[in-house]
Amino acid sequence: LLSHVRAGKIGTVIVKDMSRFSREFIVLGD
């Protein structure tokens, strides 16, 4: 997913809740 974001292929990312994306405070915030 991140590689496709960096490649400019993705315009929107959707998740059920933020904990699905990451449980690390710093990573999620970044």
PDB file of all heavy atoms in Angstrom:
ATOM      1  N   LEU A   1       0.833  -1.201   0.000  1.00  0.00           N
ATOM      2  CA  LEU A   1       0.000   0.000   0.000  1.00  0.00           C
ATOM      3  C   LEU A   1       0.870   1.254   0.000  1.00  0.00           C
ATOM      4  O   LEU A   1       0.662   2.175  -0.797  1.00  0.00           O
ATOM      5  CB  LEU A   1      -0.904  -0.002   1.224  1.00  0.00           C
ATOM      6  CG  LEU A   1      -1.658   1.299   1.547  1.00  0.00           C
ATOM      7  CD1 LEU A   1      -2.713   1.568   0.494  1.00  0.00           C
ATOM      8  CD2 LEU A   1      -2.296   1.226   2.926  1.00  0.00           C
ATOM      9  N   LEU A   2       1.877   1.283   0.865  1.00  0.00           N
ATOM     10  CA  LEU A   2       2.749   2.453   0.957  1.00  0.00           C
ATOM     11  C   LEU A   2       3.551   2.660  -0.319  1.00  0.00           C
ATOM     12  O   LEU A   2       3.774   3.799  -0.742  1.00  0.00           O
ATOM     13  CB  LEU A   2       3.697   2.310   2.155  1.00  0.00           C
ATOM     14  CG  LEU A   2       3.035   2.252   3.529  1.00  0.00           C
ATOM     15  CD1 LEU A   2       4.098   2.233   4.623  1.00  0.00           C
ATOM     16  CD2 LEU A   2       2.078   3.417   3.741  1.00  0.00           C
ATOM     17  N   SER A   3       3.982   1.557  -0.945  1.00  0.00           N
ATOM     18  CA  SER A   3       4.739   1.685  -2.195  1.00  0.00           C
ATOM     19  C   SER A   3       3.867   2.279  -3.298  1.00  0.00           C
ATOM     20  O   SER A   3       4.336   3.077  -4.115  1.00  0.00           O
ATOM     21  CB  SER A   3       5.296   0.323  -2.624  1.00  0.00           C
ATOM     22  OG  SER A   3       4.263  -0.557  -3.040  1.00  0.00           O
ATOM     23  N   HIS A   4       2.594   1.909  -3.310  1.00  0.00           N
ATOM     24  CA  HIS A   4       1.671   2.445  -4.309  1.00  0.00           C
ATOM     25  C   HIS A   4       1.326   3.905  -4.003  1.00  0.00           C
ATOM     26  O   HIS A   4       1.100   4.697  -4.922  1.00  0.00           O
ATOM     27  CB  HIS A   4       0.396   1.596  -4.351  1.00  0.00           C
ATOM     28  CG  HIS A   4       0.617   0.249  -4.961  1.00  0.00           C
ATOM     29  ND1 HIS A   4      -0.348  -0.746  -4.979  1.00  0.00           N
ATOM     30  CD2 HIS A   4       1.705  -0.277  -5.589  1.00  0.00           C
ATOM     31  CE1 HIS A   4       0.139  -1.811  -5.587  1.00  0.00           C
ATOM     32  NE2 HIS A   4       1.382  -1.557  -5.958  1.00  0.00           N
ATOM     33  N   VAL A   5       1.301   4.254  -2.703  1.00  0.00           N
ATOM     34  CA  VAL A   5       1.089   5.657  -2.320  1.00  0.00           C
ATOM     35  C   VAL A   5       2.255   6.496  -2.817  1.00  0.00           C
ATOM     36  O   VAL A   5       2.075   7.557  -3.420  1.00  0.00           O
ATOM     37  CB  VAL A   5       0.943   5.787  -0.790  1.00  0.00           C
ATOM     38  CG1 VAL A   5       1.063   7.255  -0.364  1.00  0.00           C
ATOM     39  CG2 VAL A   5      -0.399   5.226  -0.334  1.00  0.00           C
ATOM     40  N   ARG A   6       3.483   6.019  -2.568  1.00  0.00           N
ATOM     41  CA  ARG A   6       4.681   6.753  -2.980  1.00  0.00           C
ATOM     42  C   ARG A   6       4.781   6.856  -4.499  1.00  0.00           C
ATOM     43  O   ARG A   6       5.345   7.815  -5.023  1.00  0.00           O
ATOM     44  CB  ARG A   6       5.934   6.083  -2.408  1.00  0.00           C
ATOM     45  CG  ARG A   6       6.082   6.257  -0.896  1.00  0.00           C
ATOM     46  CD  ARG A   6       7.450   5.797  -0.429  1.00  0.00           C
ATOM     47  NE  ARG A   6       7.597   4.355  -0.537  1.00  0.00           N
ATOM     48  CZ  ARG A   6       7.342   3.507   0.444  1.00  0.00           C
ATOM     49  NH1 ARG A   6       6.943   3.959   1.630  1.00  0.00           N
ATOM     50  NH2 ARG A   6       7.498   2.204   0.287  1.00  0.00           N
ATOM     51  N   ALA A   7       4.226   5.855  -5.191  1.00  0.00           N
ATOM     52  CA  ALA A   7       4.266   5.860  -6.652  1.00  0.00           C
ATOM     53  C   ALA A   7       3.174   6.738  -7.255  1.00  0.00           C
ATOM     54  O   ALA A   7       3.090   6.870  -8.484  1.00  0.00           O
ATOM     55  CB  ALA A   7       4.130   4.429  -7.177  1.00  0.00           C
ATOM     56  N   GLY A   8       2.362   7.328  -6.414  1.00  0.00           N
ATOM     57  CA  GLY A   8       1.316   8.221  -6.897  1.00  0.00           C
ATOM     58  C   GLY A   8       0.115   7.511  -7.480  1.00  0.00           C
ATOM     59  O   GLY A   8      -0.650   8.102  -8.256  1.00  0.00           O
ATOM     60  N   LYS A   9      -0.100   6.245  -7.114  1.00  0.00           N
ATOM     61  CA  LYS A   9      -1.210   5.478  -7.665  1.00  0.00           C
ATOM     62  C   LYS A   9      -2.485   5.593  -6.834  1.00  0.00           C
ATOM     63  O   LYS A   9      -3.568   5.270  -7.305  1.00  0.00           O
ATOM     64  CB  LYS A   9      -0.820   3.992  -7.770  1.00  0.00           C
ATOM     65  CG  LYS A   9       0.343   3.719  -8.710  1.00  0.00           C
ATOM     66  CD  LYS A   9       0.654   2.232  -8.737  1.00  0.00           C
ATOM     67  CE  LYS A   9       1.809   1.916  -9.692  1.00  0.00           C
ATOM     68  NZ  LYS A   9       2.123   0.461  -9.710  1.00  0.00           N
ATOM     69  N   ILE A  10      -2.347   6.012  -5.580  1.00  0.00           N
ATOM     70  CA  ILE A  10      -3.479   6.013  -4.657  1.00  0.00           C
ATOM     71  C   ILE A  10      -3.875   7.439  -4.285  1.00  0.00           C
ATOM     72  O   ILE A  10      -3.025   8.261  -3.939  1.00  0.00           O
ATOM     73  CB  ILE A  10      -3.134   5.200  -3.391  1.00  0.00           C
ATOM     74  CG1 ILE A  10      -2.978   3.720  -3.755  1.00  0.00           C
ATOM     75  CG2 ILE A  10      -4.201   5.383  -2.310  1.00  0.00           C
ATOM     76  CD1 ILE A  10      -2.521   2.845  -2.615  1.00  0.00           C
ATOM     77  N   GLY A  11      -5.178   7.705  -4.340  1.00  0.00           N
ATOM     78  CA  GLY A  11      -5.667   9.035  -3.991  1.00  0.00           C
ATOM     79  C   GLY A  11      -6.350   9.070  -2.645  1.00  0.00           C
ATOM     80  O   GLY A  11      -6.403  10.110  -1.987  1.00  0.00           O
ATOM     81  N   THR A  12      -6.882   7.897  -2.216  1.00  0.00           N
ATOM     82  CA  THR A  12      -7.618   7.835  -0.958  1.00  0.00           C
ATOM     83  C   THR A  12      -7.335   6.517  -0.252  1.00  0.00           C
ATOM     84  O   THR A  12      -7.298   5.456  -0.885  1.00  0.00           O
ATOM     85  CB  THR A  12      -9.140   7.945  -1.192  1.00  0.00           C
ATOM     86  OG1 THR A  12      -9.427   9.161  -1.885  1.00  0.00           O
ATOM     87  CG2 THR A  12      -9.907   7.916   0.126  1.00  0.00           C
ATOM     88  N   VAL A  13      -7.138   6.592   1.054  1.00  0.00           N
ATOM     89  CA  VAL A  13      -6.968   5.403   1.889  1.00  0.00           C
ATOM     90  C   VAL A  13      -8.095   5.398   2.911  1.00  0.00           C
ATOM     91  O   VAL A  13      -8.339   6.405   3.587  1.00  0.00           O
ATOM     92  CB  VAL A  13      -5.611   5.400   2.619  1.00  0.00           C
ATOM     93  CG1 VAL A  13      -5.524   4.208   3.585  1.00  0.00           C
ATOM     94  CG2 VAL A  13      -4.461   5.340   1.619  1.00  0.00           C
ATOM     95  N   ILE A  14      -8.794   4.259   3.027  1.00  0.00           N
ATOM     96  CA  ILE A  14      -9.894   4.158   3.975  1.00  0.00           C
ATOM     97  C   ILE A  14      -9.704   2.933   4.861  1.00  0.00           C
ATOM     98  O   ILE A  14      -9.287   1.872   4.393  1.00  0.00           O
ATOM     99  CB  ILE A  14     -11.263   4.105   3.240  1.00  0.00           C
ATOM    100  CG1 ILE A  14     -12.411   4.128   4.247  1.00  0.00           C
ATOM    101  CG2 ILE A  14     -11.348   2.893   2.320  1.00  0.00           C
ATOM    102  CD1 ILE A  14     -13.777   4.329   3.605  1.00  0.00           C
ATOM    103  N   VAL A  15     -10.001   3.082   6.148  1.00  0.00           N
ATOM    104  CA  VAL A  15      -9.871   1.994   7.118  1.00  0.00           C
ATOM    105  C   VAL A  15     -11.093   1.967   8.029  1.00  0.00           C
ATOM    106  O   VAL A  15     -11.834   2.943   8.129  1.00  0.00           O
ATOM    107  CB  VAL A  15      -8.605   2.166   7.987  1.00  0.00           C
ATOM    108  CG1 VAL A  15      -7.347   2.004   7.155  1.00  0.00           C
ATOM    109  CG2 VAL A  15      -8.613   3.518   8.704  1.00  0.00           C
ATOM    110  N   LYS A  16     -11.292   0.836   8.696  1.00  0.00           N
ATOM    111  CA  LYS A  16     -12.387   0.721   9.671  1.00  0.00           C
ATOM    112  C   LYS A  16     -12.143   1.676  10.825  1.00  0.00           C
ATOM    113  O   LYS A  16     -13.023   2.425  11.235  1.00  0.00           O
ATOM    114  CB  LYS A  16     -12.476  -0.716  10.191  1.00  0.00           C
ATOM    115  CG  LYS A  16     -13.388  -0.906  11.396  1.00  0.00           C
ATOM    116  CD  LYS A  16     -13.337  -2.352  11.862  1.00  0.00           C
ATOM    117  CE  LYS A  16     -14.128  -2.551  13.158  1.00  0.00           C
ATOM    118  NZ  LYS A  16     -13.380  -2.076  14.344  1.00  0.00           N
ATOM    119  N   ASP A  17     -10.942   1.625  11.387  1.00  0.00           N
ATOM    120  CA  ASP A  17     -10.537   2.585  12.409  1.00  0.00           C
ATOM    121  C   ASP A  17      -9.020   2.713  12.349  1.00  0.00           C
ATOM    122  O   ASP A  17      -8.340   1.931  11.679  1.00  0.00           O
ATOM    123  CB  ASP A  17     -11.008   2.174  13.813  1.00  0.00           C
ATOM    124  CG  ASP A  17     -10.535   0.792  14.228  1.00  0.00           C
ATOM    125  OD1 ASP A  17      -9.310   0.540  14.170  1.00  0.00           O
ATOM    126  OD2 ASP A  17     -11.369  -0.043  14.602  1.00  0.00           O
ATOM    127  N   MET A  18      -8.497   3.703  13.022  1.00  0.00           N
ATOM    128  CA  MET A  18      -7.070   3.990  12.912  1.00  0.00           C
ATOM    129  C   MET A  18      -6.193   2.868  13.427  1.00  0.00           C
ATOM    130  O   MET A  18      -5.054   2.694  12.981  1.00  0.00           O
ATOM    131  CB  MET A  18      -6.747   5.293  13.648  1.00  0.00           C
ATOM    132  CG  MET A  18      -7.324   6.530  12.969  1.00  0.00           C
ATOM    133  SD  MET A  18      -6.788   8.040  13.765  1.00  0.00           S
ATOM    134  CE  MET A  18      -7.615   9.264  12.728  1.00  0.00           C
ATOM    135  N   SER A  19      -6.705   2.071  14.370  1.00  0.00           N
ATOM    136  CA  SER A  19      -5.903   0.972  14.907  1.00  0.00           C
ATOM    137  C   SER A  19      -5.650  -0.106  13.864  1.00  0.00           C
ATOM    138  O   SER A  19      -4.698  -0.882  13.965  1.00  0.00           O
ATOM    139  CB  SER A  19      -6.585   0.361  16.134  1.00  0.00           C
ATOM    140  OG  SER A  19      -7.751  -0.357  15.770  1.00  0.00           O
ATOM    141  N   ARG A  20      -6.524  -0.187  12.834  1.00  0.00           N
ATOM    142  CA  ARG A  20      -6.280  -1.153  11.755  1.00  0.00           C
ATOM    143  C   ARG A  20      -5.059  -0.719  10.953  1.00  0.00           C
ATOM    144  O   ARG A  20      -4.278  -1.554  10.501  1.00  0.00           O
ATOM    145  CB  ARG A  20      -7.501  -1.234  10.819  1.00  0.00           C
ATOM    146  CG  ARG A  20      -8.779  -1.753  11.427  1.00  0.00           C
ATOM    147  CD  ARG A  20      -8.637  -3.108  12.049  1.00  0.00           C
ATOM    148  NE  ARG A  20      -8.389  -3.035  13.481  1.00  0.00           N
ATOM    149  CZ  ARG A  20      -7.912  -4.023  14.207  1.00  0.00           C
ATOM    150  NH1 ARG A  20      -7.584  -5.166  13.657  1.00  0.00           N
ATOM    151  NH2 ARG A  20      -7.731  -3.872  15.509  1.00  0.00           N
ATOM    152  N   PHE A  21      -4.887   0.586  10.773  1.00  0.00           N
ATOM    153  CA  PHE A  21      -3.753   1.098  10.003  1.00  0.00           C
ATOM    154  C   PHE A  21      -2.460   0.948  10.800  1.00  0.00           C
ATOM    155  O   PHE A  21      -1.459   0.453  10.300  1.00  0.00           O
ATOM    156  CB  PHE A  21      -3.983   2.563   9.646  1.00  0.00           C
ATOM    157  CG  PHE A  21      -2.944   3.145   8.723  1.00  0.00           C
ATOM    158  CD1 PHE A  21      -3.003   2.916   7.358  1.00  0.00           C
ATOM    159  CD2 PHE A  21      -1.898   3.907   9.226  1.00  0.00           C
ATOM    160  CE1 PHE A  21      -2.037   3.433   6.504  1.00  0.00           C
ATOM    161  CE2 PHE A  21      -0.935   4.431   8.384  1.00  0.00           C
ATOM    162  CZ  PHE A  21      -0.992   4.195   7.024  1.00  0.00           C
ATOM    163  N   SER A  22      -2.483   1.359  12.061  1.00  0.00           N
ATOM    164  CA  SER A  22      -1.301   1.223  12.918  1.00  0.00           C
ATOM    165  C   SER A  22      -1.686   1.421  14.373  1.00  0.00           C
ATOM    166  O   SER A  22      -2.552   2.241  14.690  1.00  0.00           O
ATOM    167  CB  SER A  22      -0.225   2.234  12.530  1.00  0.00           C
ATOM    168  OG  SER A  22       0.897   2.142  13.403  1.00  0.00           O
ATOM    169  N   ARG A  23      -1.020   0.677  15.252  1.00  0.00           N
ATOM    170  CA  ARG A  23      -1.213   0.853  16.685  1.00  0.00           C
ATOM    171  C   ARG A  23      -0.037   1.624  17.293  1.00  0.00           C
ATOM    172  O   ARG A  23       0.044   1.768  18.513  1.00  0.00           O
ATOM    173  CB  ARG A  23      -1.367  -0.498  17.383  1.00  0.00           C
ATOM    174  CG  ARG A  23      -2.722  -1.162  17.151  1.00  0.00           C
ATOM    175  CD  ARG A  23      -2.912  -2.336  18.083  1.00  0.00           C
ATOM    176  NE  ARG A  23      -4.170  -3.029  17.877  1.00  0.00           N
ATOM    177  CZ  ARG A  23      -5.329  -2.668  18.415  1.00  0.00           C
ATOM    178  NH1 ARG A  23      -5.378  -1.584  19.178  1.00  0.00           N
ATOM    179  NH2 ARG A  23      -6.419  -3.363  18.202  1.00  0.00           N
ATOM    180  N   GLU A  24       0.879   2.076  16.456  1.00  0.00           N
ATOM    181  CA  GLU A  24       2.006   2.868  16.938  1.00  0.00           C
ATOM    182  C   GLU A  24       1.665   4.348  16.802  1.00  0.00           C
ATOM    183  O   GLU A  24       1.409   4.843  15.697  1.00  0.00           O
ATOM    184  CB  GLU A  24       3.276   2.547  16.144  1.00  0.00           C
ATOM    185  CG  GLU A  24       3.937   1.246  16.568  1.00  0.00           C
ATOM    186  CD  GLU A  24       5.335   1.110  16.003  1.00  0.00           C
ATOM    187  OE1 GLU A  24       5.818   2.047  15.336  1.00  0.00           O
ATOM    188  OE2 GLU A  24       5.951   0.064  16.231  1.00  0.00           O
ATOM    189  N   PHE A  25       1.675   5.055  17.913  1.00  0.00           N
ATOM    190  CA  PHE A  25       1.291   6.461  17.954  1.00  0.00           C
ATOM    191  C   PHE A  25       2.108   7.304  16.973  1.00  0.00           C
ATOM    192  O   PHE A  25       1.563   8.091  16.201  1.00  0.00           O
ATOM    193  CB  PHE A  25       1.465   6.985  19.387  1.00  0.00           C
ATOM    194  CG  PHE A  25       1.293   8.468  19.520  1.00  0.00           C
ATOM    195  CD1 PHE A  25       0.066   9.060  19.267  1.00  0.00           C
ATOM    196  CD2 PHE A  25       2.353   9.273  19.910  1.00  0.00           C
ATOM    197  CE1 PHE A  25      -0.107  10.433  19.401  1.00  0.00           C
ATOM    198  CE2 PHE A  25       2.191  10.646  20.054  1.00  0.00           C
ATOM    199  CZ  PHE A  25       0.963  11.221  19.792  1.00  0.00           C
ATOM    200  N   ILE A  26       3.423   7.133  16.993  1.00  0.00           N
ATOM    201  CA  ILE A  26       4.294   7.961  16.151  1.00  0.00           C
ATOM    202  C   ILE A  26       4.093   7.652  14.665  1.00  0.00           C
ATOM    203  O   ILE A  26       3.990   8.562  13.832  1.00  0.00           O
ATOM    204  CB  ILE A  26       5.772   7.767  16.547  1.00  0.00           C
ATOM    205  CG1 ILE A  26       5.997   8.285  17.977  1.00  0.00           C
ATOM    206  CG2 ILE A  26       6.696   8.490  15.566  1.00  0.00           C
ATOM    207  CD1 ILE A  26       7.404   8.080  18.487  1.00  0.00           C
ATOM    208  N   VAL A  27       4.017   6.363  14.334  1.00  0.00           N
ATOM    209  CA  VAL A  27       3.828   5.960  12.929  1.00  0.00           C
ATOM    210  C   VAL A  27       2.502   6.492  12.392  1.00  0.00           C
ATOM    211  O   VAL A  27       2.442   7.087  11.308  1.00  0.00           O
ATOM    212  CB  VAL A  27       3.872   4.425  12.789  1.00  0.00           C
ATOM    213  CG1 VAL A  27       3.461   3.997  11.377  1.00  0.00           C
ATOM    214  CG2 VAL A  27       5.268   3.905  13.109  1.00  0.00           C
ATOM    215  N   LEU A  28       1.433   6.292  13.148  1.00  0.00           N
ATOM    216  CA  LEU A  28       0.112   6.762  12.719  1.00  0.00           C
ATOM    217  C   LEU A  28       0.105   8.273  12.544  1.00  0.00           C
ATOM    218  O   LEU A  28      -0.400   8.792  11.547  1.00  0.00           O
ATOM    219  CB  LEU A  28      -0.938   6.335  13.747  1.00  0.00           C
ATOM    220  CG  LEU A  28      -2.391   6.691  13.440  1.00  0.00           C
ATOM    221  CD1 LEU A  28      -2.833   6.060  12.125  1.00  0.00           C
ATOM    222  CD2 LEU A  28      -3.296   6.234  14.575  1.00  0.00           C
ATOM    223  N   GLY A  29       0.691   8.969  13.498  1.00  0.00           N
ATOM    224  CA  GLY A  29       0.735  10.425  13.423  1.00  0.00           C
ATOM    225  C   GLY A  29       1.514  10.920  12.224  1.00  0.00           C
ATOM    226  O   GLY A  29       1.108  11.878  11.550  1.00  0.00           O
ATOM    227  N   ASP A  30       2.644  10.263  11.926  1.00  0.00           N
ATOM    228  CA  ASP A  30       3.466  10.668  10.788  1.00  0.00           C
ATOM    229  C   ASP A  30       2.675  10.588   9.485  1.00  0.00           C
ATOM    230  O   ASP A  30       2.739  11.497   8.645  1.00  0.00           O
ATOM    231  CB  ASP A  30       4.711   9.782  10.694  1.00  0.00           C
ATOM    232  CG  ASP A  30       5.778  10.180  11.696  1.00  0.00           C
ATOM    233  OD1 ASP A  30       5.675  11.294  12.251  1.00  0.00           O
ATOM    234  OD2 ASP A  30       6.701   9.382  11.933  1.00  0.00           O
TER     235      ASP A  30
END
